[in-house]
């Protein structure tokens, strides 16, 4: 038993292979979200194939919409990833302190960041 057929497999071929294996061992299949899907009848195999195709199509559409949204966001200037631990002003000050002879550990403690952050900043 699964909540929905799209949770069982990523594509139609996988879905049909899994259901075939379930049937081979003498078990049945039911979907909570799609009560008409019950592998004990011949009609259910047709419904499952159609649902598998629909789920695969919907997954592809979601991927396409997500990619399009990412492109639009980048065009608007949205930055992806983690925010910088230090502001540009703090980065400049940290580099000045390193140039003045402070250790990376000291500078990291001063700005309350990990030493690796200061190390990456110094390498740039």
Protein backbone atom coordinates (compact mmCIF):
# COMPACT_ATOMS: atom_id res chain seq x y z
CA UNK A 1 0.00 0.00 0.00
CA UNK A 2 1.29 3.46 -0.93
CA UNK A 3 -0.09 6.97 -0.54
CA UNK A 4 0.00 7.63 -4.30
CA UNK A 5 1.41 5.89 -7.36
CA UNK A 6 3.82 8.75 -8.03
CA UNK A 7 5.43 8.01 -4.65
CA UNK A 8 6.16 4.43 -5.70
CA UNK A 9 8.15 5.03 -8.89
CA UNK A 10 9.76 7.86 -10.85
CA UNK A 11 8.62 6.74 -14.28
CA UNK A 12 6.14 4.43 -15.94
CA UNK A 13 8.64 1.66 -16.65
CA UNK A 14 9.72 1.50 -13.00
CA UNK A 15 6.10 1.55 -11.85
CA UNK A 16 5.14 -1.33 -14.12
CA UNK A 17 8.27 -3.33 -13.17
CA UNK A 18 7.56 -2.89 -9.46
CA UNK A 19 3.91 -3.85 -9.86
CA UNK A 20 4.92 -6.90 -11.92
CA UNK A 21 7.31 -8.00 -9.15
CA UNK A 22 4.57 -7.50 -6.54
CA UNK A 23 2.15 -9.57 -8.61
CA UNK A 24 4.77 -12.33 -9.18
CA UNK A 25 5.09 -12.95 -5.43
CA UNK A 26 1.32 -13.15 -5.07
CA UNK A 27 0.74 -9.79 -3.40
CA UNK A 28 -1.58 -6.99 -4.41
CA UNK A 29 -1.16 -3.24 -4.67
CA UNK A 30 -3.36 -0.42 -3.48
CA UNK A 31 -3.02 3.33 -3.57
CA UNK A 32 -4.59 5.39 -0.79
CA UNK A 33 -4.96 8.52 -2.96
CA UNK A 34 -6.30 6.59 -5.95
CA UNK A 35 -8.78 4.00 -4.60
CA UNK A 36 -9.60 2.77 -8.10
CA UNK A 37 -6.03 1.43 -8.34
CA UNK A 38 -6.17 -2.14 -7.11
CA UNK A 39 -4.04 -4.76 -8.88
CA UNK A 40 -6.49 -7.57 -8.28
CA UNK A 41 -8.37 -6.70 -11.49
CA UNK A 42 -7.28 -6.46 -15.13
CA UNK A 43 -8.72 -2.94 -15.44
CA UNK A 44 -6.38 -1.72 -12.70
CA UNK A 45 -3.31 -2.38 -14.86
CA UNK A 46 -4.64 0.04 -17.48
CA UNK A 47 -5.42 2.66 -14.83
CA UNK A 48 -1.97 2.21 -13.28
CA UNK A 49 -0.26 2.66 -16.64
CA UNK A 50 -2.22 5.86 -17.29
CA UNK A 51 -1.51 7.18 -13.78
CA UNK A 52 2.17 6.35 -14.22
CA UNK A 53 2.29 8.31 -17.47
CA UNK A 54 0.46 11.24 -15.86
CA UNK A 55 2.80 11.21 -12.85
CA UNK A 56 5.85 11.12 -15.10
CA UNK A 57 4.49 14.00 -17.19
CA UNK A 58 3.69 16.07 -14.08
CA UNK A 59 7.17 15.46 -12.64
CA UNK A 60 8.69 16.65 -15.93
CA UNK A 61 6.49 19.77 -15.90
CA UNK A 62 7.51 20.56 -12.31
CA UNK A 63 11.17 20.29 -13.29
CA UNK A 64 10.62 22.59 -16.27
CA UNK A 65 8.73 25.17 -14.19
CA UNK A 66 11.39 25.11 -11.49
CA UNK A 67 14.17 25.63 -14.04
CA UNK A 68 12.25 28.49 -15.67
CA UNK A 69 11.70 30.10 -12.26
CA UNK A 70 15.41 29.84 -11.51
CA UNK A 71 16.27 31.56 -14.81
CA UNK A 72 13.76 34.36 -14.13
CA UNK A 73 15.09 34.84 -10.60
CA UNK A 74 18.67 35.10 -11.85
CA UNK A 75 17.55 37.66 -14.44
CA UNK A 76 16.04 39.72 -11.59
CA UNK A 77 19.38 39.57 -9.78
CA UNK A 78 18.49 37.03 -7.10
CA UNK A 79 21.60 35.38 -5.69
CA UNK A 80 21.47 31.69 -4.89
CA UNK A 81 23.32 29.87 -2.15
CA UNK A 82 24.25 30.76 1.38
CA UNK A 83 24.63 34.35 2.41
CA UNK A 84 28.15 35.58 3.07
CA UNK A 85 29.16 35.31 6.72
CA UNK A 86 30.84 38.70 6.52
CA UNK A 87 29.66 41.91 4.92
CA UNK A 88 31.95 43.55 2.33
CA UNK A 89 33.02 46.08 4.99
CA UNK A 90 33.86 43.28 7.43
CA UNK A 91 35.78 41.44 4.73
CA UNK A 92 37.89 44.53 4.05
CA UNK A 93 38.55 45.01 7.75
CA UNK A 94 39.45 41.33 8.20
CA UNK A 95 41.93 41.51 5.32
CA UNK A 96 43.46 44.67 6.79
CA UNK A 97 43.91 42.94 10.14
CA UNK A 98 45.54 39.95 8.46
CA UNK A 99 47.89 42.32 6.58
CA UNK A 100 48.71 44.01 9.89
CA UNK A 101 49.88 40.68 11.30
CA UNK A 102 46.87 39.31 13.20
CA UNK A 103 46.43 35.55 12.95
CA UNK A 104 43.50 33.99 11.12
CA UNK A 105 42.30 32.52 14.40
CA UNK A 106 42.28 35.94 16.08
CA UNK A 107 40.46 37.59 13.18
CA UNK A 108 37.93 34.75 13.07
CA UNK A 109 37.22 35.13 16.80
CA UNK A 110 36.85 38.89 16.40
CA UNK A 111 34.15 38.48 13.72
CA UNK A 112 32.61 35.39 15.32
CA UNK A 113 33.15 33.18 12.27
CA UNK A 114 35.04 29.96 11.69
CA UNK A 115 38.73 30.17 10.87
CA UNK A 116 37.99 28.50 7.50
CA UNK A 117 35.92 31.56 6.54
CA UNK A 118 38.91 33.82 7.11
CA UNK A 119 41.21 31.37 5.35
CA UNK A 120 38.99 31.37 2.23
CA UNK A 121 38.82 35.16 2.35
CA UNK A 122 42.62 35.41 2.53
CA UNK A 123 43.04 33.05 -0.46
CA UNK A 124 40.84 35.20 -2.72
